[in-house]
């Protein structure tokens, strides 16, 4: 889903965009809590 801007998803999730970029590139791995924030942000964007 490369059309999604990581910075927009990060803002919706309340995360630092640089951190989400690290998750997306596999440099770092999110905790379950962080994953749920990202999932909820993506669902909110999809609903909108």
ModelCIF file with pLDDT and N, C-alpha, C, O atoms, coordinates in Angstrom:
data_MODEL
#
_entry.id   MODEL 
#
_entity.id                         1 
_entity.type                       polymer 
_entity.pdbx_number_of_molecules   1 
#
_entity_poly.entity_id                      1 
_entity_poly.type                           'polypeptide(L)' 
_entity_poly.nstd_linkage                   no 
_entity_poly.nstd_monomer                   no 
_entity_poly.pdbx_seq_one_letter_code       
;(UNK)(UNK)(UNK)(UNK)(UNK)(UNK)(UNK)(UNK)(UNK)(UNK)(UNK)(UNK)(UNK)(UNK)(UNK)(UNK)
(UNK)(UNK)(UNK)(UNK)(UNK)(UNK)(UNK)(UNK)(UNK)(UNK)(UNK)(UNK)(UNK)(UNK)(UNK)(UNK)
(UNK)(UNK)(UNK)(UNK)(UNK)(UNK)(UNK)(UNK)(UNK)(UNK)(UNK)(UNK)(UNK)(UNK)(UNK)(UNK)
;
_entity_poly.pdbx_seq_one_letter_code_can   XXXXXXXXXXXXXXXXXXXXXXXXXXXXXXXXXXXXXXXXXXXXXXXX 
_entity_poly.pdbx_strand_id                 A 
#
loop_
_entity_poly_seq.entity_id 
_entity_poly_seq.num 
_entity_poly_seq.mon_id 
_entity_poly_seq.hetero 
1 1  UNK n 
1 2  UNK n 
1 3  UNK n 
1 4  UNK n 
1 5  UNK n 
1 6  UNK n 
1 7  UNK n 
1 8  UNK n 
1 9  UNK n 
1 10 UNK n 
1 11 UNK n 
1 12 UNK n 
1 13 UNK n 
1 14 UNK n 
1 15 UNK n 
1 16 UNK n 
1 17 UNK n 
1 18 UNK n 
1 19 UNK n 
1 20 UNK n 
1 21 UNK n 
1 22 UNK n 
1 23 UNK n 
1 24 UNK n 
1 25 UNK n 
1 26 UNK n 
1 27 UNK n 
1 28 UNK n 
1 29 UNK n 
1 30 UNK n 
1 31 UNK n 
1 32 UNK n 
1 33 UNK n 
1 34 UNK n 
1 35 UNK n 
1 36 UNK n 
1 37 UNK n 
1 38 UNK n 
1 39 UNK n 
1 40 UNK n 
1 41 UNK n 
1 42 UNK n 
1 43 UNK n 
1 44 UNK n 
1 45 UNK n 
1 46 UNK n 
1 47 UNK n 
1 48 UNK n 
#
_struct_asym.id          A 
_struct_asym.entity_id   1 
#
loop_
_ma_qa_metric.id 
_ma_qa_metric.mode 
_ma_qa_metric.name 
_ma_qa_metric.software_group_id 
_ma_qa_metric.type 
1 global pLDDT . pLDDT 
2 local  pLDDT . pLDDT 
#
_ma_qa_metric_global.metric_id      1 
_ma_qa_metric_global.metric_value   93.06 
_ma_qa_metric_global.model_id       1 
_ma_qa_metric_global.ordinal_id     1 
#
loop_
_ma_qa_metric_local.label_asym_id 
_ma_qa_metric_local.label_comp_id 
_ma_qa_metric_local.label_seq_id 
_ma_qa_metric_local.metric_id 
_ma_qa_metric_local.metric_value 
_ma_qa_metric_local.model_id 
_ma_qa_metric_local.ordinal_id 
A UNK 1  2 85.00 1 1  
A UNK 2  2 82.00 1 2  
A UNK 3  2 84.00 1 3  
A UNK 4  2 87.00 1 4  
A UNK 5  2 91.00 1 5  
A UNK 6  2 93.00 1 6  
A UNK 7  2 93.00 1 7  
A UNK 8  2 91.00 1 8  
A UNK 9  2 94.00 1 9  
A UNK 10 2 95.00 1 10 
A UNK 11 2 94.00 1 11 
A UNK 12 2 93.00 1 12 
A UNK 13 2 95.00 1 13 
A UNK 14 2 96.00 1 14 
A UNK 15 2 96.00 1 15 
A UNK 16 2 97.00 1 16 
A UNK 17 2 96.00 1 17 
A UNK 18 2 97.00 1 18 
A UNK 19 2 96.00 1 19 
A UNK 20 2 96.00 1 20 
A UNK 21 2 94.00 1 21 
A UNK 22 2 95.00 1 22 
A UNK 23 2 94.00 1 23 
A UNK 24 2 91.00 1 24 
A UNK 25 2 90.00 1 25 
A UNK 26 2 89.00 1 26 
A UNK 27 2 92.00 1 27 
A UNK 28 2 94.00 1 28 
A UNK 29 2 93.00 1 29 
A UNK 30 2 94.00 1 30 
A UNK 31 2 95.00 1 31 
A UNK 32 2 95.00 1 32 
A UNK 33 2 96.00 1 33 
A UNK 34 2 96.00 1 34 
A UNK 35 2 95.00 1 35 
A UNK 36 2 96.00 1 36 
A UNK 37 2 96.00 1 37 
A UNK 38 2 96.00 1 38 
A UNK 39 2 94.00 1 39 
A UNK 40 2 96.00 1 40 
A UNK 41 2 95.00 1 41 
A UNK 42 2 94.00 1 42 
A UNK 43 2 94.00 1 43 
A UNK 44 2 93.00 1 44 
A UNK 45 2 91.00 1 45 
A UNK 46 2 90.00 1 46 
A UNK 47 2 91.00 1 47 
A UNK 48 2 87.00 1 48 
#
loop_
_atom_site.group_PDB 
_atom_site.id 
_atom_site.type_symbol 
_atom_site.label_atom_id 
_atom_site.label_alt_id 
_atom_site.label_comp_id 
_atom_site.label_asym_id 
_atom_site.label_entity_id 
_atom_site.label_seq_id 
_atom_site.pdbx_PDB_ins_code 
_atom_site.Cartn_x 
_atom_site.Cartn_y 
_atom_site.Cartn_z 
_atom_site.occupancy 
_atom_site.B_iso_or_equiv 
_atom_site.pdbx_formal_charge 
_atom_site.auth_seq_id 
_atom_site.auth_comp_id 
_atom_site.auth_asym_id 
_atom_site.auth_atom_id 
_atom_site.pdbx_PDB_model_num 
ATOM 1   N N  . UNK A 1 1  ? 0.849   -1.195 0.000  1.00 85.00 ? 1  UNK A N  1 
ATOM 2   C CA . UNK A 1 1  ? 0.000   0.000  0.000  1.00 85.00 ? 1  UNK A CA 1 
ATOM 3   C C  . UNK A 1 1  ? 0.886   1.247  0.000  1.00 85.00 ? 1  UNK A C  1 
ATOM 4   O O  . UNK A 1 1  ? 0.778   2.099  0.882  1.00 85.00 ? 1  UNK A O  1 
ATOM 5   N N  . UNK A 1 2  ? 1.744   1.339  -0.980 1.00 82.00 ? 2  UNK A N  1 
ATOM 6   C CA . UNK A 1 2  ? 2.737   2.418  -1.000 1.00 82.00 ? 2  UNK A CA 1 
ATOM 7   C C  . UNK A 1 2  ? 2.129   3.800  -1.214 1.00 82.00 ? 2  UNK A C  1 
ATOM 8   O O  . UNK A 1 2  ? 2.832   4.804  -1.103 1.00 82.00 ? 2  UNK A O  1 
ATOM 9   N N  . UNK A 1 3  ? 0.855   3.867  -1.513 1.00 84.00 ? 3  UNK A N  1 
ATOM 10  C CA . UNK A 1 3  ? 0.179   5.155  -1.651 1.00 84.00 ? 3  UNK A CA 1 
ATOM 11  C C  . UNK A 1 3  ? -0.121  5.779  -0.284 1.00 84.00 ? 3  UNK A C  1 
ATOM 12  O O  . UNK A 1 3  ? -0.406  6.973  -0.193 1.00 84.00 ? 3  UNK A O  1 
ATOM 13  N N  . UNK A 1 4  ? -0.055  4.975  0.766  1.00 87.00 ? 4  UNK A N  1 
ATOM 14  C CA . UNK A 1 4  ? -0.253  5.520  2.110  1.00 87.00 ? 4  UNK A CA 1 
ATOM 15  C C  . UNK A 1 4  ? 1.001   6.264  2.540  1.00 87.00 ? 4  UNK A C  1 
ATOM 16  O O  . UNK A 1 4  ? 2.106   5.729  2.453  1.00 87.00 ? 4  UNK A O  1 
ATOM 17  N N  . UNK A 1 5  ? 0.837   7.461  2.989  1.00 91.00 ? 5  UNK A N  1 
ATOM 18  C CA . UNK A 1 5  ? 1.983   8.218  3.486  1.00 91.00 ? 5  UNK A CA 1 
ATOM 19  C C  . UNK A 1 5  ? 2.224   7.833  4.937  1.00 91.00 ? 5  UNK A C  1 
ATOM 20  O O  . UNK A 1 5  ? 1.350   7.966  5.794  1.00 91.00 ? 5  UNK A O  1 
ATOM 21  N N  . UNK A 1 6  ? 3.412   7.362  5.178  1.00 93.00 ? 6  UNK A N  1 
ATOM 22  C CA . UNK A 1 6  ? 3.749   6.905  6.519  1.00 93.00 ? 6  UNK A CA 1 
ATOM 23  C C  . UNK A 1 6  ? 3.587   8.032  7.532  1.00 93.00 ? 6  UNK A C  1 
ATOM 24  O O  . UNK A 1 6  ? 3.144   7.798  8.656  1.00 93.00 ? 6  UNK A O  1 
ATOM 25  N N  . UNK A 1 7  ? 3.942   9.250  7.139  1.00 93.00 ? 7  UNK A N  1 
ATOM 26  C CA . UNK A 1 7  ? 3.823   10.369 8.080  1.00 93.00 ? 7  UNK A CA 1 
ATOM 27  C C  . UNK A 1 7  ? 2.363   10.618 8.462  1.00 93.00 ? 7  UNK A C  1 
ATOM 28  O O  . UNK A 1 7  ? 2.074   10.969 9.606  1.00 93.00 ? 7  UNK A O  1 
ATOM 29  N N  . UNK A 1 8  ? 1.444   10.439 7.515  1.00 91.00 ? 8  UNK A N  1 
ATOM 30  C CA . UNK A 1 8  ? 0.014   10.628 7.820  1.00 91.00 ? 8  UNK A CA 1 
ATOM 31  C C  . UNK A 1 8  ? -0.495  9.539  8.751  1.00 91.00 ? 8  UNK A C  1 
ATOM 32  O O  . UNK A 1 8  ? -1.244  9.817  9.688  1.00 91.00 ? 8  UNK A O  1 
ATOM 33  N N  . UNK A 1 9  ? -0.091  8.300  8.494  1.00 94.00 ? 9  UNK A N  1 
ATOM 34  C CA . UNK A 1 9  ? -0.500  7.193  9.359  1.00 94.00 ? 9  UNK A CA 1 
ATOM 35  C C  . UNK A 1 9  ? 0.078   7.396  10.761 1.00 94.00 ? 9  UNK A C  1 
ATOM 36  O O  . UNK A 1 9  ? -0.607  7.172  11.759 1.00 94.00 ? 9  UNK A O  1 
ATOM 37  N N  . UNK A 1 10 ? 1.339   7.821  10.828 1.00 95.00 ? 10 UNK A N  1 
ATOM 38  C CA . UNK A 1 10 ? 1.983   8.056  12.126 1.00 95.00 ? 10 UNK A CA 1 
ATOM 39  C C  . UNK A 1 10 ? 1.241   9.127  12.913 1.00 95.00 ? 10 UNK A C  1 
ATOM 40  O O  . UNK A 1 10 ? 1.020   8.971  14.114 1.00 95.00 ? 10 UNK A O  1 
ATOM 41  N N  . UNK A 1 11 ? 0.855   10.215 12.250 1.00 94.00 ? 11 UNK A N  1 
ATOM 42  C CA . UNK A 1 11 ? 0.120   11.284 12.919 1.00 94.00 ? 11 UNK A CA 1 
ATOM 43  C C  . UNK A 1 11 ? -1.199  10.756 13.469 1.00 94.00 ? 11 UNK A C  1 
ATOM 44  O O  . UNK A 1 11 ? -1.556  11.039 14.612 1.00 94.00 ? 11 UNK A O  1 
ATOM 45  N N  . UNK A 1 12 ? -1.928  9.983  12.649 1.00 93.00 ? 12 UNK A N  1 
ATOM 46  C CA . UNK A 1 12 ? -3.200  9.406  13.096 1.00 93.00 ? 12 UNK A CA 1 
ATOM 47  C C  . UNK A 1 12 ? -2.999  8.468  14.285 1.00 93.00 ? 12 UNK A C  1 
ATOM 48  O O  . UNK A 1 12 ? -3.848  8.383  15.173 1.00 93.00 ? 12 UNK A O  1 
ATOM 49  N N  . UNK A 1 13 ? -1.848  7.755  14.291 1.00 95.00 ? 13 UNK A N  1 
ATOM 50  C CA . UNK A 1 13 ? -1.580  6.773  15.350 1.00 95.00 ? 13 UNK A CA 1 
ATOM 51  C C  . UNK A 1 13 ? -0.949  7.400  16.589 1.00 95.00 ? 13 UNK A C  1 
ATOM 52  O O  . UNK A 1 13 ? -0.810  6.742  17.619 1.00 95.00 ? 13 UNK A O  1 
ATOM 53  N N  . UNK A 1 14 ? -0.566  8.677  16.488 1.00 96.00 ? 14 UNK A N  1 
ATOM 54  C CA . UNK A 1 14 ? 0.103   9.324  17.607 1.00 96.00 ? 14 UNK A CA 1 
ATOM 55  C C  . UNK A 1 14 ? 1.543   8.855  17.776 1.00 96.00 ? 14 UNK A C  1 
ATOM 56  O O  . UNK A 1 14 ? 2.074   8.830  18.886 1.00 96.00 ? 14 UNK A O  1 
ATOM 57  N N  . UNK A 1 15 ? 2.171   8.482  16.656 1.00 96.00 ? 15 UNK A N  1 
ATOM 58  C CA . UNK A 1 15 ? 3.555   8.001  16.673 1.00 96.00 ? 15 UNK A CA 1 
ATOM 59  C C  . UNK A 1 15 ? 4.471   8.969  15.940 1.00 96.00 ? 15 UNK A C  1 
ATOM 60  O O  . UNK A 1 15 ? 4.019   9.769  15.121 1.00 96.00 ? 15 UNK A O  1 
ATOM 61  N N  . UNK A 1 16 ? 5.734   8.891  16.233 1.00 97.00 ? 16 UNK A N  1 
ATOM 62  C CA . UNK A 1 16 ? 6.737   9.668  15.522 1.00 97.00 ? 16 UNK A CA 1 
ATOM 63  C C  . UNK A 1 16 ? 6.885   9.077  14.111 1.00 97.00 ? 16 UNK A C  1 
ATOM 64  O O  . UNK A 1 16 ? 7.090   7.870  13.982 1.00 97.00 ? 16 UNK A O  1 
ATOM 65  N N  . UNK A 1 17 ? 6.788   9.892  13.055 1.00 96.00 ? 17 UNK A N  1 
ATOM 66  C CA . UNK A 1 17 ? 6.913   9.368  11.697 1.00 96.00 ? 17 UNK A CA 1 
ATOM 67  C C  . UNK A 1 17 ? 8.230   8.623  11.446 1.00 96.00 ? 17 UNK A C  1 
ATOM 68  O O  . UNK A 1 17 ? 8.244   7.622  10.730 1.00 96.00 ? 17 UNK A O  1 
ATOM 69  N N  . UNK A 1 18 ? 9.321   9.095  12.021 1.00 97.00 ? 18 UNK A N  1 
ATOM 70  C CA . UNK A 1 18 ? 10.605  8.414  11.833 1.00 97.00 ? 18 UNK A CA 1 
ATOM 71  C C  . UNK A 1 18 ? 10.563  7.005  12.425 1.00 97.00 ? 18 UNK A C  1 
ATOM 72  O O  . UNK A 1 18 ? 11.134  6.070  11.864 1.00 97.00 ? 18 UNK A O  1 
ATOM 73  N N  . UNK A 1 19 ? 9.883   6.865  13.563 1.00 96.00 ? 19 UNK A N  1 
ATOM 74  C CA . UNK A 1 19 ? 9.766   5.548  14.184 1.00 96.00 ? 19 UNK A CA 1 
ATOM 75  C C  . UNK A 1 19 ? 8.937   4.611  13.304 1.00 96.00 ? 19 UNK A C  1 
ATOM 76  O O  . UNK A 1 19 ? 9.295   3.447  13.123 1.00 96.00 ? 19 UNK A O  1 
ATOM 77  N N  . UNK A 1 20 ? 7.834   5.118  12.762 1.00 96.00 ? 20 UNK A N  1 
ATOM 78  C CA . UNK A 1 20 ? 6.996   4.282  11.889 1.00 96.00 ? 20 UNK A CA 1 
ATOM 79  C C  . UNK A 1 20 ? 7.762   3.901  10.623 1.00 96.00 ? 20 UNK A C  1 
ATOM 80  O O  . UNK A 1 20 ? 7.598   2.788  10.123 1.00 96.00 ? 20 UNK A O  1 
ATOM 81  N N  . UNK A 1 21 ? 8.584   4.791  10.100 1.00 94.00 ? 21 UNK A N  1 
ATOM 82  C CA . UNK A 1 21 ? 9.421   4.446  8.940  1.00 94.00 ? 21 UNK A CA 1 
ATOM 83  C C  . UNK A 1 21 ? 10.380  3.310  9.288  1.00 94.00 ? 21 UNK A C  1 
ATOM 84  O O  . UNK A 1 21 ? 10.636  2.430  8.467  1.00 94.00 ? 21 UNK A O  1 
ATOM 85  N N  . UNK A 1 22 ? 10.902  3.338  10.505 1.00 95.00 ? 22 UNK A N  1 
ATOM 86  C CA . UNK A 1 22 ? 11.790  2.251  10.940 1.00 95.00 ? 22 UNK A CA 1 
ATOM 87  C C  . UNK A 1 22 ? 11.026  0.933  11.045 1.00 95.00 ? 22 UNK A C  1 
ATOM 88  O O  . UNK A 1 22 ? 11.557  -0.122 10.695 1.00 95.00 ? 22 UNK A O  1 
ATOM 89  N N  . UNK A 1 23 ? 9.789   0.988  11.522 1.00 94.00 ? 23 UNK A N  1 
ATOM 90  C CA . UNK A 1 23 ? 8.963   -0.218 11.568 1.00 94.00 ? 23 UNK A CA 1 
ATOM 91  C C  . UNK A 1 23 ? 8.691   -0.719 10.146 1.00 94.00 ? 23 UNK A C  1 
ATOM 92  O O  . UNK A 1 23 ? 8.800   -1.913 9.868  1.00 94.00 ? 23 UNK A O  1 
ATOM 93  N N  . UNK A 1 24 ? 8.341   0.197  9.264  1.00 91.00 ? 24 UNK A N  1 
ATOM 94  C CA . UNK A 1 24 ? 7.980   -0.172 7.900  1.00 91.00 ? 24 UNK A CA 1 
ATOM 95  C C  . UNK A 1 24 ? 9.162   -0.729 7.110  1.00 91.00 ? 24 UNK A C  1 
ATOM 96  O O  . UNK A 1 24 ? 8.976   -1.529 6.194  1.00 91.00 ? 24 UNK A O  1 
ATOM 97  N N  . UNK A 1 25 ? 10.368  -0.310 7.462  1.00 90.00 ? 25 UNK A N  1 
ATOM 98  C CA . UNK A 1 25 ? 11.556  -0.806 6.739  1.00 90.00 ? 25 UNK A CA 1 
ATOM 99  C C  . UNK A 1 25 ? 12.167  -2.029 7.410  1.00 90.00 ? 25 UNK A C  1 
ATOM 100 O O  . UNK A 1 25 ? 13.085  -2.640 6.864  1.00 90.00 ? 25 UNK A O  1 
ATOM 101 N N  . UNK A 1 26 ? 11.672  -2.388 8.577  1.00 89.00 ? 26 UNK A N  1 
ATOM 102 C CA . UNK A 1 26 ? 12.191  -3.565 9.264  1.00 89.00 ? 26 UNK A CA 1 
ATOM 103 C C  . UNK A 1 26 ? 13.413  -3.298 10.125 1.00 89.00 ? 26 UNK A C  1 
ATOM 104 O O  . UNK A 1 26 ? 14.026  -4.233 10.639 1.00 89.00 ? 26 UNK A O  1 
ATOM 105 N N  . UNK A 1 27 ? 13.775  -2.024 10.287 1.00 92.00 ? 27 UNK A N  1 
ATOM 106 C CA . UNK A 1 27 ? 14.906  -1.674 11.148 1.00 92.00 ? 27 UNK A CA 1 
ATOM 107 C C  . UNK A 1 27 ? 14.550  -1.936 12.607 1.00 92.00 ? 27 UNK A C  1 
ATOM 108 O O  . UNK A 1 27 ? 15.374  -2.410 13.389 1.00 92.00 ? 27 UNK A O  1 
ATOM 109 N N  . UNK A 1 28 ? 13.305  -1.617 12.957 1.00 94.00 ? 28 UNK A N  1 
ATOM 110 C CA . UNK A 1 28 ? 12.793  -1.868 14.304 1.00 94.00 ? 28 UNK A CA 1 
ATOM 111 C C  . UNK A 1 28 ? 11.471  -2.611 14.168 1.00 94.00 ? 28 UNK A C  1 
ATOM 112 O O  . UNK A 1 28 ? 10.850  -2.620 13.105 1.00 94.00 ? 28 UNK A O  1 
ATOM 113 N N  . UNK A 1 29 ? 11.055  -3.233 15.264 1.00 93.00 ? 29 UNK A N  1 
ATOM 114 C CA . UNK A 1 29 ? 9.801   -3.975 15.278 1.00 93.00 ? 29 UNK A CA 1 
ATOM 115 C C  . UNK A 1 29 ? 8.900   -3.427 16.374 1.00 93.00 ? 29 UNK A C  1 
ATOM 116 O O  . UNK A 1 29 ? 9.340   -3.229 17.507 1.00 93.00 ? 29 UNK A O  1 
ATOM 117 N N  . UNK A 1 30 ? 7.622   -3.180 16.031 1.00 94.00 ? 30 UNK A N  1 
ATOM 118 C CA . UNK A 1 30 ? 6.716   -2.575 17.014 1.00 94.00 ? 30 UNK A CA 1 
ATOM 119 C C  . UNK A 1 30 ? 6.234   -3.578 18.052 1.00 94.00 ? 30 UNK A C  1 
ATOM 120 O O  . UNK A 1 30 ? 6.155   -4.779 17.797 1.00 94.00 ? 30 UNK A O  1 
ATOM 121 N N  . UNK A 1 31 ? 5.918   -3.055 19.217 1.00 95.00 ? 31 UNK A N  1 
ATOM 122 C CA . UNK A 1 31 ? 5.278   -3.859 20.254 1.00 95.00 ? 31 UNK A CA 1 
ATOM 123 C C  . UNK A 1 31 ? 3.823   -4.092 19.846 1.00 95.00 ? 31 UNK A C  1 
ATOM 124 O O  . UNK A 1 31 ? 3.338   -3.503 18.880 1.00 95.00 ? 31 UNK A O  1 
ATOM 125 N N  . UNK A 1 32 ? 3.150   -4.936 20.575 1.00 95.00 ? 32 UNK A N  1 
ATOM 126 C CA . UNK A 1 32 ? 1.735   -5.175 20.319 1.00 95.00 ? 32 UNK A CA 1 
ATOM 127 C C  . UNK A 1 32 ? 0.944   -3.880 20.466 1.00 95.00 ? 32 UNK A C  1 
ATOM 128 O O  . UNK A 1 32 ? 0.042   -3.613 19.672 1.00 95.00 ? 32 UNK A O  1 
ATOM 129 N N  . UNK A 1 33 ? 1.275   -3.073 21.476 1.00 96.00 ? 33 UNK A N  1 
ATOM 130 C CA . UNK A 1 33 ? 0.582   -1.800 21.686 1.00 96.00 ? 33 UNK A CA 1 
ATOM 131 C C  . UNK A 1 33 ? 0.781   -0.865 20.498 1.00 96.00 ? 33 UNK A C  1 
ATOM 132 O O  . UNK A 1 33 ? -0.177  -0.253 20.026 1.00 96.00 ? 33 UNK A O  1 
ATOM 133 N N  . UNK A 1 34 ? 2.008   -0.749 20.014 1.00 96.00 ? 34 UNK A N  1 
ATOM 134 C CA . UNK A 1 34 ? 2.285   0.113  18.865 1.00 96.00 ? 34 UNK A CA 1 
ATOM 135 C C  . UNK A 1 34 ? 1.581   -0.417 17.616 1.00 96.00 ? 34 UNK A C  1 
ATOM 136 O O  . UNK A 1 34 ? 1.027   0.355  16.833 1.00 96.00 ? 34 UNK A O  1 
ATOM 137 N N  . UNK A 1 35 ? 1.606   -1.747 17.436 1.00 95.00 ? 35 UNK A N  1 
ATOM 138 C CA . UNK A 1 35 ? 0.931   -2.354 16.284 1.00 95.00 ? 35 UNK A CA 1 
ATOM 139 C C  . UNK A 1 35 ? -0.559  -2.036 16.315 1.00 95.00 ? 35 UNK A C  1 
ATOM 140 O O  . UNK A 1 35 ? -1.151  -1.728 15.280 1.00 95.00 ? 35 UNK A O  1 
ATOM 141 N N  . UNK A 1 36 ? -1.161  -2.109 17.486 1.00 96.00 ? 36 UNK A N  1 
ATOM 142 C CA . UNK A 1 36 ? -2.588  -1.794 17.596 1.00 96.00 ? 36 UNK A CA 1 
ATOM 143 C C  . UNK A 1 36 ? -2.867  -0.329 17.276 1.00 96.00 ? 36 UNK A C  1 
ATOM 144 O O  . UNK A 1 36 ? -3.890  -0.018 16.665 1.00 96.00 ? 36 UNK A O  1 
ATOM 145 N N  . UNK A 1 37 ? -1.981  0.568  17.675 1.00 96.00 ? 37 UNK A N  1 
ATOM 146 C CA . UNK A 1 37 ? -2.147  1.991  17.323 1.00 96.00 ? 37 UNK A CA 1 
ATOM 147 C C  . UNK A 1 37 ? -2.113  2.171  15.808 1.00 96.00 ? 37 UNK A C  1 
ATOM 148 O O  . UNK A 1 37 ? -2.923  2.906  15.243 1.00 96.00 ? 37 UNK A O  1 
ATOM 149 N N  . UNK A 1 38 ? -1.174  1.499  15.161 1.00 96.00 ? 38 UNK A N  1 
ATOM 150 C CA . UNK A 1 38 ? -1.038  1.604  13.703 1.00 96.00 ? 38 UNK A CA 1 
ATOM 151 C C  . UNK A 1 38 ? -2.269  1.006  13.027 1.00 96.00 ? 38 UNK A C  1 
ATOM 152 O O  . UNK A 1 38 ? -2.828  1.613  12.113 1.00 96.00 ? 38 UNK A O  1 
ATOM 153 N N  . UNK A 1 39 ? -2.696  -0.181 13.468 1.00 94.00 ? 39 UNK A N  1 
ATOM 154 C CA . UNK A 1 39 ? -3.879  -0.833 12.901 1.00 94.00 ? 39 UNK A CA 1 
ATOM 155 C C  . UNK A 1 39 ? -5.101  0.071  13.037 1.00 94.00 ? 39 UNK A C  1 
ATOM 156 O O  . UNK A 1 39 ? -5.858  0.238  12.080 1.00 94.00 ? 39 UNK A O  1 
ATOM 157 N N  . UNK A 1 40 ? -5.298  0.653  14.216 1.00 96.00 ? 40 UNK A N  1 
ATOM 158 C CA . UNK A 1 40 ? -6.455  1.524  14.430 1.00 96.00 ? 40 UNK A CA 1 
ATOM 159 C C  . UNK A 1 40 ? -6.393  2.771  13.564 1.00 96.00 ? 40 UNK A C  1 
ATOM 160 O O  . UNK A 1 40 ? -7.420  3.230  13.064 1.00 96.00 ? 40 UNK A O  1 
ATOM 161 N N  . UNK A 1 41 ? -5.200  3.322  13.382 1.00 95.00 ? 41 UNK A N  1 
ATOM 162 C CA . UNK A 1 41 ? -5.050  4.501  12.521 1.00 95.00 ? 41 UNK A CA 1 
ATOM 163 C C  . UNK A 1 41 ? -5.406  4.162  11.081 1.00 95.00 ? 41 UNK A C  1 
ATOM 164 O O  . UNK A 1 41 ? -6.090  4.935  10.410 1.00 95.00 ? 41 UNK A O  1 
ATOM 165 N N  . UNK A 1 42 ? -4.946  3.013  10.604 1.00 94.00 ? 42 UNK A N  1 
ATOM 166 C CA . UNK A 1 42 ? -5.242  2.602  9.225  1.00 94.00 ? 42 UNK A CA 1 
ATOM 167 C C  . UNK A 1 42 ? -6.737  2.350  9.057  1.00 94.00 ? 42 UNK A C  1 
ATOM 168 O O  . UNK A 1 42 ? -7.315  2.716  8.033  1.00 94.00 ? 42 UNK A O  1 
ATOM 169 N N  . UNK A 1 43 ? -7.365  1.730  10.046 1.00 94.00 ? 43 UNK A N  1 
ATOM 170 C CA . UNK A 1 43 ? -8.808  1.504  9.982  1.00 94.00 ? 43 UNK A CA 1 
ATOM 171 C C  . UNK A 1 43 ? -9.566  2.825  9.971  1.00 94.00 ? 43 UNK A C  1 
ATOM 172 O O  . UNK A 1 43 ? -10.566 2.962  9.265  1.00 94.00 ? 43 UNK A O  1 
ATOM 173 N N  . UNK A 1 44 ? -9.098  3.799  10.749 1.00 93.00 ? 44 UNK A N  1 
ATOM 174 C CA . UNK A 1 44 ? -9.750  5.108  10.781 1.00 93.00 ? 44 UNK A CA 1 
ATOM 175 C C  . UNK A 1 44 ? -9.627  5.792  9.419  1.00 93.00 ? 44 UNK A C  1 
ATOM 176 O O  . UNK A 1 44 ? -10.597 6.365  8.921  1.00 93.00 ? 44 UNK A O  1 
ATOM 177 N N  . UNK A 1 45 ? -8.449  5.733  8.824  1.00 91.00 ? 45 UNK A N  1 
ATOM 178 C CA . UNK A 1 45 ? -8.248  6.320  7.493  1.00 91.00 ? 45 UNK A CA 1 
ATOM 179 C C  . UNK A 1 45 ? -9.161  5.628  6.482  1.00 91.00 ? 45 UNK A C  1 
ATOM 180 O O  . UNK A 1 45 ? -9.796  6.293  5.663  1.00 91.00 ? 45 UNK A O  1 
ATOM 181 N N  . UNK A 1 46 ? -9.228  4.299  6.534  1.00 90.00 ? 46 UNK A N  1 
ATOM 182 C CA . UNK A 1 46 ? -10.075 3.548  5.608  1.00 90.00 ? 46 UNK A CA 1 
ATOM 183 C C  . UNK A 1 46 ? -11.547 3.927  5.770  1.00 90.00 ? 46 UNK A C  1 
ATOM 184 O O  . UNK A 1 46 ? -12.268 4.075  4.784  1.00 90.00 ? 46 UNK A O  1 
ATOM 185 N N  . UNK A 1 47 ? -11.984 4.083  7.011  1.00 91.00 ? 47 UNK A N  1 
ATOM 186 C CA . UNK A 1 47 ? -13.377 4.463  7.274  1.00 91.00 ? 47 UNK A CA 1 
ATOM 187 C C  . UNK A 1 47 ? -13.664 5.850  6.699  1.00 91.00 ? 47 UNK A C  1 
ATOM 188 O O  . UNK A 1 47 ? -14.700 6.066  6.070  1.00 91.00 ? 47 UNK A O  1 
ATOM 189 N N  . UNK A 1 48 ? -12.749 6.775  6.917  1.00 87.00 ? 48 UNK A N  1 
ATOM 190 C CA . UNK A 1 48 ? -12.928 8.122  6.381  1.00 87.00 ? 48 UNK A CA 1 
ATOM 191 C C  . UNK A 1 48 ? -12.996 8.090  4.855  1.00 87.00 ? 48 UNK A C  1 
ATOM 192 O O  . UNK A 1 48 ? -13.145 9.134  4.222  1.00 87.00 ? 48 UNK A O  1 
#
